[in-house]
Amino acid sequence: MSRIKYYYDPKSCKYERYTRSKWDVLVGALGFLSLSLILAVGILLVFSYYFDSPKELLLKKENQELKIYYEMLEEEVANLNAMMDDLQERDDNLYRVIFESEPIPTSIRNAGYGGSDRYREIKEKGLKQEDLILSVTKKVDQLKKQLYIQSVSYDELAEKALNKEKYWASIPAIQPVHNEDLKRLASGYGIRIHPILKVRKMHTGVDFSAPKGTPIYATGDGVVKEVKTVFGGFGKSIIIDHGFGFTTRYAHMNEFMVRRGQKIKRGDQIGTVGNTGSSTAPHVHYEVIKEGRTVNPVHYFFKDLEPAEFDLILELASKENQSLS
């Protein structure tokens, strides 16, 4: 039961019963509602400041997870960069040195990736974590560029490795006749006495004395460039093109066992020892020609020879005696 209120009326000098108008009721109700609303908003603000809503809790949890994944990604990118640095260092200072290739300039390895418009799409989205996303994206792009350059480098080195294998198989690295006792080298490269003219003359190869019919072997892989017979000079001779600037000549042969244009391997028999042309005894005159100029063949007799045997070959080849052709 509501209280009955009275007020003193000075005109009538007595207490009159207070009656509320509809306006007063409306104003009072509005005031109460306003105060309640203000109080509710204040309580809500205080509560939201100190306590998170379920949605906010979920978003914070997702952000925390994303931060953890971002840190893990940053660590992985750092590890990959360290591995890439190691690969690049070995590539420049080991592999490319072995295959006699120039190191890749740092300016090329660390070149930028794409242009300024490459990241426009990310910037236009107006992401809150734009800096973090751009940072990781740029690092990944840089790593991709370095990986591409490194893969190209390895492709180049693989090709050089194949060429290197072919090179070592092609250079004239053995003697043209089996020389078990190492004494068949009758005359070496250099100034020697000509067997017919009896004057000192440049001898452009080495002479291996051997019985007529002794097998002659190719000293490296190659293609038979010339099979020729003349009555004087080299007599019956063969020239093999080994590639890489190398050719070899085998002269004064008795018979041929190959034909022009034929591909041969090191150690294949190409003919037999003879005494044709300007020859004074059965032997094979052997020349190594590098870039169009004759060189000392003894310097290429490094395969299947022990150091002591090679020293003996050098000693025999250095004797200034009479050549056999």
C-alpha atoms as a PDB file:
ATOM      1  CA  MET A   1       0.000   0.000   0.000  1.00  0.00           C
ATOM      2  CA  SER A   2       1.515   3.285  -1.099  1.00  0.00           C
ATOM      3  CA  ARG A   3       1.985   6.097   1.340  1.00  0.00           C
ATOM      4  CA  ILE A   4      -0.423   9.054   1.276  1.00  0.00           C
ATOM      5  CA  LYS A   5       1.510  12.292   1.048  1.00  0.00           C
ATOM      6  CA  TYR A   6       0.348  15.718   2.306  1.00  0.00           C
ATOM      7  CA  TYR A   7       1.615  19.241   1.857  1.00  0.00           C
ATOM      8  CA  TYR A   8       0.883  22.493   3.759  1.00  0.00           C
ATOM      9  CA  ASP A   9      -1.164  25.022   1.822  1.00  0.00           C
ATOM     10  CA  PRO A  10      -0.476  28.548   3.146  1.00  0.00           C
ATOM     11  CA  LYS A  11      -3.606  29.897   1.524  1.00  0.00           C
ATOM     12  CA  SER A  12      -5.933  27.639   3.353  1.00  0.00           C
ATOM     13  CA  CYS A  13      -3.614  27.313   6.363  1.00  0.00           C
ATOM     14  CA  LYS A  14      -4.054  23.560   6.445  1.00  0.00           C
ATOM     15  CA  TYR A  15      -2.542  20.335   5.148  1.00  0.00           C
ATOM     16  CA  GLU A  16      -3.842  19.227   1.826  1.00  0.00           C
ATOM     17  CA  ARG A  17      -3.508  15.736   0.367  1.00  0.00           C
ATOM     18  CA  TYR A  18      -0.844  15.566  -2.371  1.00  0.00           C
ATOM     19  CA  THR A  19      -2.046  14.178  -5.649  1.00  0.00           C
ATOM     20  CA  ARG A  20       0.364  13.436  -8.534  1.00  0.00           C
ATOM     21  CA  SER A  21      -0.484  14.467 -12.058  1.00  0.00           C
ATOM     22  CA  LYS A  22       0.111  12.238 -15.059  1.00  0.00           C
ATOM     23  CA  TRP A  23       2.980  14.484 -16.146  1.00  0.00           C
ATOM     24  CA  ASP A  24       4.679  14.054 -12.809  1.00  0.00           C
ATOM     25  CA  VAL A  25       4.300  10.308 -13.091  1.00  0.00           C
ATOM     26  CA  LEU A  26       5.707  10.366 -16.612  1.00  0.00           C
ATOM     27  CA  VAL A  27       8.676  12.548 -15.637  1.00  0.00           C
ATOM     28  CA  GLY A  28       9.417  10.373 -12.667  1.00  0.00           C
ATOM     29  CA  ALA A  29       9.252   7.236 -14.717  1.00  0.00           C
ATOM     30  CA  LEU A  30      11.542   8.725 -17.363  1.00  0.00           C
ATOM     31  CA  GLY A  31      14.029   9.840 -14.729  1.00  0.00           C
ATOM     32  CA  PHE A  32      14.051   6.416 -13.161  1.00  0.00           C
ATOM     33  CA  LEU A  33      14.550   4.741 -16.521  1.00  0.00           C
ATOM     34  CA  SER A  34      17.335   7.169 -17.442  1.00  0.00           C
ATOM     35  CA  LEU A  35      19.116   6.591 -14.191  1.00  0.00           C
ATOM     36  CA  SER A  36      18.713   2.854 -14.579  1.00  0.00           C
ATOM     37  CA  LEU A  37      20.045   2.987 -18.137  1.00  0.00           C
ATOM     38  CA  ILE A  38      23.043   5.063 -17.114  1.00  0.00           C
ATOM     39  CA  LEU A  39      23.750   2.730 -14.257  1.00  0.00           C
ATOM     40  CA  ALA A  40      23.392  -0.314 -16.516  1.00  0.00           C
ATOM     41  CA  VAL A  41      25.760   1.137 -19.126  1.00  0.00           C
ATOM     42  CA  GLY A  42      28.283   1.975 -16.431  1.00  0.00           C
ATOM     43  CA  ILE A  43      28.093  -1.511 -15.001  1.00  0.00           C
ATOM     44  CA  LEU A  44      28.425  -2.988 -18.502  1.00  0.00           C
ATOM     45  CA  LEU A  45      31.482  -0.840 -19.265  1.00  0.00           C
ATOM     46  CA  VAL A  46      33.153  -1.766 -16.010  1.00  0.00           C
ATOM     47  CA  PHE A  47      32.342  -5.440 -16.527  1.00  0.00           C
ATOM     48  CA  SER A  48      33.569  -5.417 -20.135  1.00  0.00           C
ATOM     49  CA  TYR A  49      36.764  -3.670 -19.045  1.00  0.00           C
ATOM     50  CA  TYR A  50      37.639  -6.270 -16.459  1.00  0.00           C
ATOM     51  CA  PHE A  51      35.940  -9.314 -17.977  1.00  0.00           C
ATOM     52  CA  ASP A  52      35.967 -10.607 -21.589  1.00  0.00           C
ATOM     53  CA  SER A  53      32.935 -11.769 -23.439  1.00  0.00           C
ATOM     54  CA  PRO A  54      32.879 -15.323 -24.871  1.00  0.00           C
ATOM     55  CA  LYS A  55      33.470 -13.917 -28.374  1.00  0.00           C
ATOM     56  CA  GLU A  56      36.391 -11.823 -27.171  1.00  0.00           C
ATOM     57  CA  LEU A  57      37.833 -14.794 -25.338  1.00  0.00           C
ATOM     58  CA  LEU A  58      37.609 -16.834 -28.550  1.00  0.00           C
ATOM     59  CA  LEU A  59      39.250 -14.074 -30.609  1.00  0.00           C
ATOM     60  CA  LYS A  60      42.048 -13.659 -28.061  1.00  0.00           C
ATOM     61  CA  LYS A  61      42.657 -17.374 -28.118  1.00  0.00           C
ATOM     62  CA  GLU A  62      42.803 -17.352 -31.921  1.00  0.00           C
ATOM     63  CA  ASN A  63      45.180 -14.374 -31.871  1.00  0.00           C
ATOM     64  CA  GLN A  64      47.414 -16.147 -29.374  1.00  0.00           C
ATOM     65  CA  GLU A  65      47.487 -19.240 -31.584  1.00  0.00           C
ATOM     66  CA  LEU A  66      48.249 -17.128 -34.662  1.00  0.00           C
ATOM     67  CA  LYS A  67      51.070 -15.412 -32.791  1.00  0.00           C
ATOM     68  CA  ILE A  68      52.545 -18.795 -31.839  1.00  0.00           C
ATOM     69  CA  TYR A  69      52.296 -20.016 -35.447  1.00  0.00           C
ATOM     70  CA  TYR A  70      53.825 -16.762 -36.687  1.00  0.00           C
ATOM     71  CA  GLU A  71      56.781 -17.148 -34.323  1.00  0.00           C
ATOM     72  CA  MET A  72      57.204 -20.755 -35.445  1.00  0.00           C
ATOM     73  CA  LEU A  73      57.085 -19.636 -39.077  1.00  0.00           C
ATOM     74  CA  GLU A  74      59.655 -16.926 -38.396  1.00  0.00           C
ATOM     75  CA  GLU A  75      61.926 -19.526 -36.797  1.00  0.00           C
ATOM     76  CA  GLU A  76      61.506 -21.889 -39.759  1.00  0.00           C
ATOM     77  CA  VAL A  77      62.297 -19.098 -42.224  1.00  0.00           C
ATOM     78  CA  ALA A  78      65.399 -18.220 -40.181  1.00  0.00           C
ATOM     79  CA  ASN A  79      66.508 -21.882 -40.223  1.00  0.00           C
ATOM     80  CA  LEU A  80      65.921 -22.106 -43.970  1.00  0.00           C
ATOM     81  CA  ASN A  81      67.934 -18.933 -44.511  1.00  0.00           C
ATOM     82  CA  ALA A  82      70.791 -20.408 -42.472  1.00  0.00           C
ATOM     83  CA  MET A  83      70.670 -23.589 -44.560  1.00  0.00           C
ATOM     84  CA  MET A  84      70.586 -21.509 -47.744  1.00  0.00           C
ATOM     85  CA  ASP A  85      73.626 -19.519 -46.591  1.00  0.00           C
ATOM     86  CA  ASP A  86      75.492 -22.782 -46.019  1.00  0.00           C
ATOM     87  CA  LEU A  87      74.522 -24.094 -49.465  1.00  0.00           C
ATOM     88  CA  GLN A  88      75.597 -20.844 -51.105  1.00  0.00           C
ATOM     89  CA  GLU A  89      78.932 -20.842 -49.283  1.00  0.00           C
ATOM     90  CA  ARG A  90      79.679 -24.437 -50.291  1.00  0.00           C
ATOM     91  CA  ASP A  91      78.512 -23.719 -53.815  1.00  0.00           C
ATOM     92  CA  ASP A  92      80.853 -20.730 -54.229  1.00  0.00           C
ATOM     93  CA  ASN A  93      83.851 -21.962 -52.246  1.00  0.00           C
ATOM     94  CA  LEU A  94      83.810 -25.686 -52.978  1.00  0.00           C
ATOM     95  CA  TYR A  95      81.723 -26.933 -55.881  1.00  0.00           C
ATOM     96  CA  ARG A  96      82.328 -24.018 -58.231  1.00  0.00           C
ATOM     97  CA  VAL A  97      86.051 -24.064 -57.349  1.00  0.00           C
ATOM     98  CA  ILE A  98      86.256 -27.767 -58.209  1.00  0.00           C
ATOM     99  CA  PHE A  99      84.602 -27.190 -61.580  1.00  0.00           C
ATOM    100  CA  GLU A 100      86.527 -23.949 -62.220  1.00  0.00           C
ATOM    101  CA  SER A 101      83.443 -21.724 -62.309  1.00  0.00           C
ATOM    102  CA  GLU A 102      83.189 -18.158 -61.121  1.00  0.00           C
ATOM    103  CA  PRO A 103      81.214 -17.665 -57.867  1.00  0.00           C
ATOM    104  CA  ILE A 104      77.732 -16.194 -58.256  1.00  0.00           C
ATOM    105  CA  PRO A 105      77.858 -12.483 -57.277  1.00  0.00           C
ATOM    106  CA  THR A 106      76.168 -11.595 -53.994  1.00  0.00           C
ATOM    107  CA  SER A 107      74.206  -8.877 -55.788  1.00  0.00           C
ATOM    108  CA  ILE A 108      72.500 -11.551 -57.891  1.00  0.00           C
ATOM    109  CA  ARG A 109      71.911 -13.941 -55.011  1.00  0.00           C
ATOM    110  CA  ASN A 110      70.333 -11.187 -52.869  1.00  0.00           C
ATOM    111  CA  ALA A 111      68.437  -9.438 -55.651  1.00  0.00           C
ATOM    112  CA  GLY A 112      64.895  -8.298 -54.927  1.00  0.00           C
ATOM    113  CA  TYR A 113      61.833 -10.307 -55.884  1.00  0.00           C
ATOM    114  CA  GLY A 114      59.221  -8.635 -58.035  1.00  0.00           C
ATOM    115  CA  GLY A 115      58.353  -4.934 -58.040  1.00  0.00           C
ATOM    116  CA  SER A 116      56.625  -2.505 -55.713  1.00  0.00           C
ATOM    117  CA  ASP A 117      53.200  -3.590 -56.998  1.00  0.00           C
ATOM    118  CA  ARG A 118      53.760  -7.190 -55.940  1.00  0.00           C
ATOM    119  CA  TYR A 119      52.343  -6.587 -52.468  1.00  0.00           C
ATOM    120  CA  ARG A 120      49.611  -4.122 -53.451  1.00  0.00           C
ATOM    121  CA  GLU A 121      46.875  -6.702 -52.889  1.00  0.00           C
ATOM    122  CA  ILE A 122      47.941  -7.233 -49.287  1.00  0.00           C
ATOM    123  CA  LYS A 123      48.178  -3.485 -48.645  1.00  0.00           C
ATOM    124  CA  GLU A 124      44.756  -2.794 -50.171  1.00  0.00           C
ATOM    125  CA  LYS A 125      43.045  -5.204 -47.763  1.00  0.00           C
ATOM    126  CA  GLY A 126      43.920  -2.958 -44.834  1.00  0.00           C
ATOM    127  CA  LEU A 127      44.834  -5.822 -42.528  1.00  0.00           C
ATOM    128  CA  LYS A 128      45.590  -4.989 -38.904  1.00  0.00           C
ATOM    129  CA  GLN A 129      48.697  -7.204 -38.963  1.00  0.00           C
ATOM    130  CA  GLU A 130      49.792  -5.928 -42.354  1.00  0.00           C
ATOM    131  CA  ASP A 131      53.419  -5.345 -41.280  1.00  0.00           C
ATOM    132  CA  LEU A 132      53.820  -8.889 -39.968  1.00  0.00           C
ATOM    133  CA  ILE A 133      52.229 -10.433 -43.060  1.00  0.00           C
ATOM    134  CA  LEU A 134      54.339  -8.308 -45.433  1.00  0.00           C
ATOM    135  CA  SER A 135      57.508  -9.129 -43.489  1.00  0.00           C
ATOM    136  CA  VAL A 136      56.981 -12.901 -43.714  1.00  0.00           C
ATOM    137  CA  THR A 137      55.825 -12.718 -47.342  1.00  0.00           C
ATOM    138  CA  LYS A 138      58.926 -10.769 -48.379  1.00  0.00           C
ATOM    139  CA  LYS A 139      61.239 -13.179 -46.544  1.00  0.00           C
ATOM    140  CA  VAL A 140      59.578 -16.180 -48.200  1.00  0.00           C
ATOM    141  CA  ASP A 141      59.783 -14.509 -51.619  1.00  0.00           C
ATOM    142  CA  GLN A 142      63.476 -13.764 -51.071  1.00  0.00           C
ATOM    143  CA  LEU A 143      64.085 -17.361 -50.060  1.00  0.00           C
ATOM    144  CA  LYS A 144      62.242 -18.603 -53.168  1.00  0.00           C
ATOM    145  CA  LYS A 145      64.422 -16.370 -55.355  1.00  0.00           C
ATOM    146  CA  GLN A 146      67.610 -17.688 -53.721  1.00  0.00           C
ATOM    147  CA  LEU A 147      66.392 -21.279 -54.087  1.00  0.00           C
ATOM    148  CA  TYR A 148      65.758 -20.691 -57.785  1.00  0.00           C
ATOM    149  CA  ILE A 149      69.237 -19.222 -58.304  1.00  0.00           C
ATOM    150  CA  GLN A 150      70.764 -22.111 -56.353  1.00  0.00           C
ATOM    151  CA  SER A 151      68.867 -24.686 -58.424  1.00  0.00           C
ATOM    152  CA  VAL A 152      70.123 -23.034 -61.627  1.00  0.00           C
ATOM    153  CA  SER A 153      73.650 -23.124 -60.204  1.00  0.00           C
ATOM    154  CA  TYR A 154      73.351 -26.842 -59.446  1.00  0.00           C
ATOM    155  CA  ASP A 155      72.040 -27.495 -62.951  1.00  0.00           C
ATOM    156  CA  GLU A 156      75.083 -25.694 -64.320  1.00  0.00           C
ATOM    157  CA  LEU A 157      77.428 -27.657 -62.052  1.00  0.00           C
ATOM    158  CA  ALA A 158      75.730 -30.941 -62.998  1.00  0.00           C
ATOM    159  CA  GLU A 159      76.360 -30.144 -66.652  1.00  0.00           C
ATOM    160  CA  LYS A 160      79.963 -29.263 -65.877  1.00  0.00           C
ATOM    161  CA  ALA A 161      80.327 -32.501 -63.915  1.00  0.00           C
ATOM    162  CA  LEU A 162      79.158 -34.475 -66.927  1.00  0.00           C
ATOM    163  CA  ASN A 163      81.527 -32.505 -69.150  1.00  0.00           C
ATOM    164  CA  LYS A 164      84.322 -33.024 -66.609  1.00  0.00           C
ATOM    165  CA  GLU A 165      83.760 -36.771 -66.700  1.00  0.00           C
ATOM    166  CA  LYS A 166      83.797 -36.650 -70.475  1.00  0.00           C
ATOM    167  CA  TYR A 167      86.916 -34.455 -70.341  1.00  0.00           C
ATOM    168  CA  TRP A 168      88.866 -36.906 -68.168  1.00  0.00           C
ATOM    169  CA  ALA A 169      87.810 -39.781 -70.408  1.00  0.00           C
ATOM    170  CA  SER A 170      88.846 -37.901 -73.540  1.00  0.00           C
ATOM    171  CA  ILE A 171      92.283 -36.505 -72.744  1.00  0.00           C
ATOM    172  CA  PRO A 172      95.174 -38.733 -73.926  1.00  0.00           C
ATOM    173  CA  ALA A 173      96.224 -40.232 -70.590  1.00  0.00           C
ATOM    174  CA  ILE A 174      97.850 -43.581 -71.418  1.00  0.00           C
ATOM    175  CA  GLN A 175     100.675 -44.828 -73.625  1.00  0.00           C
ATOM    176  CA  PRO A 176      99.735 -45.984 -77.129  1.00  0.00           C
ATOM    177  CA  VAL A 177     101.453 -49.364 -76.667  1.00  0.00           C
ATOM    178  CA  HIS A 178     101.682 -51.633 -73.661  1.00  0.00           C
ATOM    179  CA  ASN A 179     105.002 -50.886 -72.088  1.00  0.00           C
ATOM    180  CA  GLU A 180     105.526 -53.311 -69.256  1.00  0.00           C
ATOM    181  CA  ASP A 181     109.270 -52.735 -68.885  1.00  0.00           C
ATOM    182  CA  LEU A 182     109.046 -48.993 -69.647  1.00  0.00           C
ATOM    183  CA  LYS A 183     112.052 -49.245 -71.996  1.00  0.00           C
ATOM    184  CA  ARG A 184     110.297 -49.099 -75.340  1.00  0.00           C
ATOM    185  CA  LEU A 185     110.267 -45.292 -75.255  1.00  0.00           C
ATOM    186  CA  ALA A 186     113.153 -44.880 -77.687  1.00  0.00           C
ATOM    187  CA  SER A 187     113.048 -41.140 -78.273  1.00  0.00           C
ATOM    188  CA  GLY A 188     111.312 -38.259 -76.519  1.00  0.00           C
ATOM    189  CA  TYR A 189     109.861 -34.883 -77.420  1.00  0.00           C
ATOM    190  CA  GLY A 190     112.221 -32.030 -78.271  1.00  0.00           C
ATOM    191  CA  ILE A 191     115.409 -31.440 -80.274  1.00  0.00           C
ATOM    192  CA  ARG A 192     116.719 -34.796 -81.502  1.00  0.00           C
ATOM    193  CA  ILE A 193     119.078 -36.091 -84.232  1.00  0.00           C
ATOM    194  CA  HIS A 194     117.111 -36.919 -87.357  1.00  0.00           C
ATOM    195  CA  PRO A 195     117.753 -40.582 -88.290  1.00  0.00           C
ATOM    196  CA  ILE A 196     118.044 -39.833 -92.033  1.00  0.00           C
ATOM    197  CA  LEU A 197     119.267 -36.246 -92.248  1.00  0.00           C
ATOM    198  CA  LYS A 198     121.620 -36.678 -89.256  1.00  0.00           C
ATOM    199  CA  VAL A 199     120.979 -33.112 -88.093  1.00  0.00           C
ATOM    200  CA  ARG A 200     119.445 -31.748 -84.896  1.00  0.00           C
ATOM    201  CA  LYS A 201     115.762 -31.204 -85.551  1.00  0.00           C
ATOM    202  CA  MET A 202     112.582 -30.735 -83.559  1.00  0.00           C
ATOM    203  CA  HIS A 203     110.963 -34.076 -82.781  1.00  0.00           C
ATOM    204  CA  THR A 204     107.248 -33.324 -82.254  1.00  0.00           C
ATOM    205  CA  GLY A 205     106.318 -36.570 -80.516  1.00  0.00           C
ATOM    206  CA  VAL A 206     107.680 -39.654 -78.787  1.00  0.00           C
ATOM    207  CA  ASP A 207     108.785 -42.903 -80.426  1.00  0.00           C
ATOM    208  CA  PHE A 208     107.896 -46.267 -78.889  1.00  0.00           C
ATOM    209  CA  SER A 209     109.944 -49.106 -80.356  1.00  0.00           C
ATOM    210  CA  ALA A 210     108.056 -52.401 -80.629  1.00  0.00           C
ATOM    211  CA  PRO A 211     107.974 -55.458 -82.886  1.00  0.00           C
ATOM    212  CA  LYS A 212     105.988 -55.159 -86.086  1.00  0.00           C
ATOM    213  CA  GLY A 213     102.344 -56.054 -85.463  1.00  0.00           C
ATOM    214  CA  THR A 214     102.312 -54.889 -81.817  1.00  0.00           C
ATOM    215  CA  PRO A 215      98.837 -53.470 -81.003  1.00  0.00           C
ATOM    216  CA  ILE A 216      98.440 -49.701 -80.862  1.00  0.00           C
ATOM    217  CA  TYR A 217      95.721 -48.336 -78.582  1.00  0.00           C
ATOM    218  CA  ALA A 218      93.772 -45.075 -78.507  1.00  0.00           C
ATOM    219  CA  THR A 219      94.955 -42.997 -75.575  1.00  0.00           C
ATOM    220  CA  GLY A 220      91.571 -41.310 -74.952  1.00  0.00           C
ATOM    221  CA  ASP A 221      87.945 -41.274 -76.058  1.00  0.00           C
ATOM    222  CA  GLY A 222      87.322 -39.539 -79.352  1.00  0.00           C
ATOM    223  CA  VAL A 223      86.461 -39.745 -83.039  1.00  0.00           C
ATOM    224  CA  VAL A 224      88.814 -40.885 -85.775  1.00  0.00           C
ATOM    225  CA  LYS A 225      89.479 -37.749 -87.763  1.00  0.00           C
ATOM    226  CA  GLU A 226      91.957 -39.045 -90.340  1.00  0.00           C
ATOM    227  CA  VAL A 227      93.180 -42.414 -91.649  1.00  0.00           C
ATOM    228  CA  LYS A 228      95.962 -41.662 -94.109  1.00  0.00           C
ATOM    229  CA  THR A 229      98.679 -43.452 -96.070  1.00  0.00           C
ATOM    230  CA  VAL A 230     101.672 -41.686 -97.669  1.00  0.00           C
ATOM    231  CA  PHE A 231     104.953 -43.136 -99.034  1.00  0.00           C
ATOM    232  CA  GLY A 232     107.180 -40.809 -97.015  1.00  0.00           C
ATOM    233  CA  GLY A 233     106.802 -38.810 -93.834  1.00  0.00           C
ATOM    234  CA  PHE A 234     104.407 -40.449 -91.346  1.00  0.00           C
ATOM    235  CA  GLY A 235     103.614 -43.372 -93.670  1.00  0.00           C
ATOM    236  CA  LYS A 236     100.410 -44.946 -92.411  1.00  0.00           C
ATOM    237  CA  SER A 237      98.971 -42.684 -89.746  1.00  0.00           C
ATOM    238  CA  ILE A 238      95.792 -42.020 -87.789  1.00  0.00           C
ATOM    239  CA  ILE A 239      94.600 -38.795 -86.188  1.00  0.00           C
ATOM    240  CA  ILE A 240      91.985 -38.937 -83.404  1.00  0.00           C
ATOM    241  CA  ASP A 241      89.998 -35.879 -82.303  1.00  0.00           C
ATOM    242  CA  HIS A 242      89.369 -36.118 -78.553  1.00  0.00           C
ATOM    243  CA  GLY A 243      87.538 -32.820 -78.182  1.00  0.00           C
ATOM    244  CA  PHE A 244      88.416 -30.148 -75.618  1.00  0.00           C
ATOM    245  CA  GLY A 245      91.214 -28.997 -77.969  1.00  0.00           C
ATOM    246  CA  PHE A 246      93.058 -32.346 -77.976  1.00  0.00           C
ATOM    247  CA  THR A 247      94.056 -34.469 -80.990  1.00  0.00           C
ATOM    248  CA  THR A 248      96.568 -37.334 -81.184  1.00  0.00           C
ATOM    249  CA  ARG A 249      98.578 -38.740 -84.093  1.00  0.00           C
ATOM    250  CA  TYR A 250      99.826 -42.338 -84.444  1.00  0.00           C
ATOM    251  CA  ALA A 251     102.364 -42.747 -87.314  1.00  0.00           C
ATOM    252  CA  HIS A 252     104.403 -45.377 -89.162  1.00  0.00           C
ATOM    253  CA  MET A 253     101.698 -48.003 -88.571  1.00  0.00           C
ATOM    254  CA  ASN A 254     101.504 -51.366 -90.303  1.00  0.00           C
ATOM    255  CA  GLU A 255      97.730 -51.772 -90.553  1.00  0.00           C
ATOM    256  CA  PHE A 256      94.564 -49.889 -89.595  1.00  0.00           C
ATOM    257  CA  MET A 257      91.737 -51.311 -87.500  1.00  0.00           C
ATOM    258  CA  VAL A 258      89.451 -48.258 -87.522  1.00  0.00           C
ATOM    259  CA  ARG A 259      87.848 -46.055 -90.138  1.00  0.00           C
ATOM    260  CA  ARG A 260      87.381 -42.314 -90.475  1.00  0.00           C
ATOM    261  CA  GLY A 261      84.456 -40.986 -88.380  1.00  0.00           C
ATOM    262  CA  GLN A 262      84.440 -43.967 -86.025  1.00  0.00           C
ATOM    263  CA  LYS A 263      83.898 -43.294 -82.315  1.00  0.00           C
ATOM    264  CA  ILE A 264      86.416 -45.008 -80.088  1.00  0.00           C
ATOM    265  CA  LYS A 265      87.130 -45.373 -76.363  1.00  0.00           C
ATOM    266  CA  ARG A 266      90.411 -45.126 -74.510  1.00  0.00           C
ATOM    267  CA  GLY A 267      92.169 -48.493 -74.775  1.00  0.00           C
ATOM    268  CA  ASP A 268      90.495 -49.545 -78.045  1.00  0.00           C
ATOM    269  CA  GLN A 269      92.968 -51.025 -80.529  1.00  0.00           C
ATOM    270  CA  ILE A 270      93.245 -48.819 -83.602  1.00  0.00           C
ATOM    271  CA  GLY A 271      96.026 -50.602 -85.493  1.00  0.00           C
ATOM    272  CA  THR A 272      99.465 -52.215 -85.250  1.00  0.00           C
ATOM    273  CA  VAL A 273     103.071 -51.060 -85.117  1.00  0.00           C
ATOM    274  CA  GLY A 274     104.841 -50.843 -88.483  1.00  0.00           C
ATOM    275  CA  ASN A 275     107.824 -49.392 -90.267  1.00  0.00           C
ATOM    276  CA  THR A 276     106.162 -47.263 -92.943  1.00  0.00           C
ATOM    277  CA  GLY A 277     107.107 -43.817 -94.227  1.00  0.00           C
ATOM    278  CA  SER A 278     110.325 -42.193 -93.090  1.00  0.00           C
ATOM    279  CA  SER A 279     111.036 -44.791 -90.428  1.00  0.00           C
ATOM    280  CA  THR A 280     114.307 -46.580 -89.633  1.00  0.00           C
ATOM    281  CA  ALA A 281     112.876 -49.313 -87.375  1.00  0.00           C
ATOM    282  CA  PRO A 282     109.472 -50.715 -86.323  1.00  0.00           C
ATOM    283  CA  HIS A 283     107.926 -48.226 -83.930  1.00  0.00           C
ATOM    284  CA  VAL A 284     104.978 -45.910 -83.420  1.00  0.00           C
ATOM    285  CA  HIS A 285     105.499 -42.164 -83.508  1.00  0.00           C
ATOM    286  CA  TYR A 286     102.960 -40.653 -81.108  1.00  0.00           C
ATOM    287  CA  GLU A 287     101.981 -36.972 -80.901  1.00  0.00           C
ATOM    288  CA  VAL A 288      99.661 -34.994 -78.644  1.00  0.00           C
ATOM    289  CA  ILE A 289      98.348 -31.782 -80.181  1.00  0.00           C
ATOM    290  CA  LYS A 290      96.690 -29.203 -77.908  1.00  0.00           C
ATOM    291  CA  GLU A 291      94.893 -26.265 -79.485  1.00  0.00           C
ATOM    292  CA  GLY A 292      96.731 -26.854 -82.765  1.00  0.00           C
ATOM    293  CA  ARG A 293     100.236 -27.052 -81.249  1.00  0.00           C
ATOM    294  CA  THR A 294     102.215 -30.158 -80.370  1.00  0.00           C
ATOM    295  CA  VAL A 295     103.017 -30.674 -76.696  1.00  0.00           C
ATOM    296  CA  ASN A 296     105.140 -33.192 -74.841  1.00  0.00           C
ATOM    297  CA  PRO A 297     103.040 -36.407 -74.688  1.00  0.00           C
ATOM    298  CA  VAL A 298     104.934 -37.621 -71.624  1.00  0.00           C
ATOM    299  CA  HIS A 299     103.156 -35.021 -69.505  1.00  0.00           C
ATOM    300  CA  TYR A 300      99.875 -36.852 -70.165  1.00  0.00           C
ATOM    301  CA  PHE A 301     101.070 -40.350 -69.198  1.00  0.00           C
ATOM    302  CA  PHE A 302      99.549 -40.117 -65.742  1.00  0.00           C
ATOM    303  CA  LYS A 303      96.996 -42.916 -65.794  1.00  0.00           C
ATOM    304  CA  ASP A 304      97.963 -46.357 -64.440  1.00  0.00           C
ATOM    305  CA  LEU A 305     101.568 -45.281 -63.723  1.00  0.00           C
ATOM    306  CA  GLU A 306     103.157 -45.233 -60.307  1.00  0.00           C
ATOM    307  CA  PRO A 307     105.232 -42.147 -59.400  1.00  0.00           C
ATOM    308  CA  ALA A 308     108.486 -44.105 -59.780  1.00  0.00           C
ATOM    309  CA  GLU A 309     107.413 -45.376 -63.200  1.00  0.00           C
ATOM    310  CA  PHE A 310     106.473 -41.880 -64.304  1.00  0.00           C
ATOM    311  CA  ASP A 311     109.865 -40.575 -63.169  1.00  0.00           C
ATOM    312  CA  LEU A 312     111.521 -43.281 -65.273  1.00  0.00           C
ATOM    313  CA  ILE A 313     109.439 -42.297 -68.302  1.00  0.00           C
ATOM    314  CA  LEU A 314     110.516 -38.667 -67.837  1.00  0.00           C
ATOM    315  CA  GLU A 315     114.157 -39.742 -67.617  1.00  0.00           C
ATOM    316  CA  LEU A 316     113.941 -41.838 -70.801  1.00  0.00           C
ATOM    317  CA  ALA A 317     112.125 -39.098 -72.691  1.00  0.00           C
ATOM    318  CA  SER A 318     114.681 -36.443 -71.705  1.00  0.00           C
ATOM    319  CA  LYS A 319     117.629 -38.221 -73.310  1.00  0.00           C
ATOM    320  CA  GLU A 320     118.768 -36.323 -76.381  1.00  0.00           C
ATOM    321  CA  ASN A 321     119.322 -39.331 -78.648  1.00  0.00           C
ATOM    322  CA  GLN A 322     118.460 -40.147 -82.248  1.00  0.00           C
ATOM    323  CA  SER A 323     114.750 -40.408 -83.117  1.00  0.00           C
ATOM    324  CA  LEU A 324     113.421 -43.295 -85.162  1.00  0.00           C
ATOM    325  CA  SER A 325     111.587 -41.033 -87.631  1.00  0.00           C
END
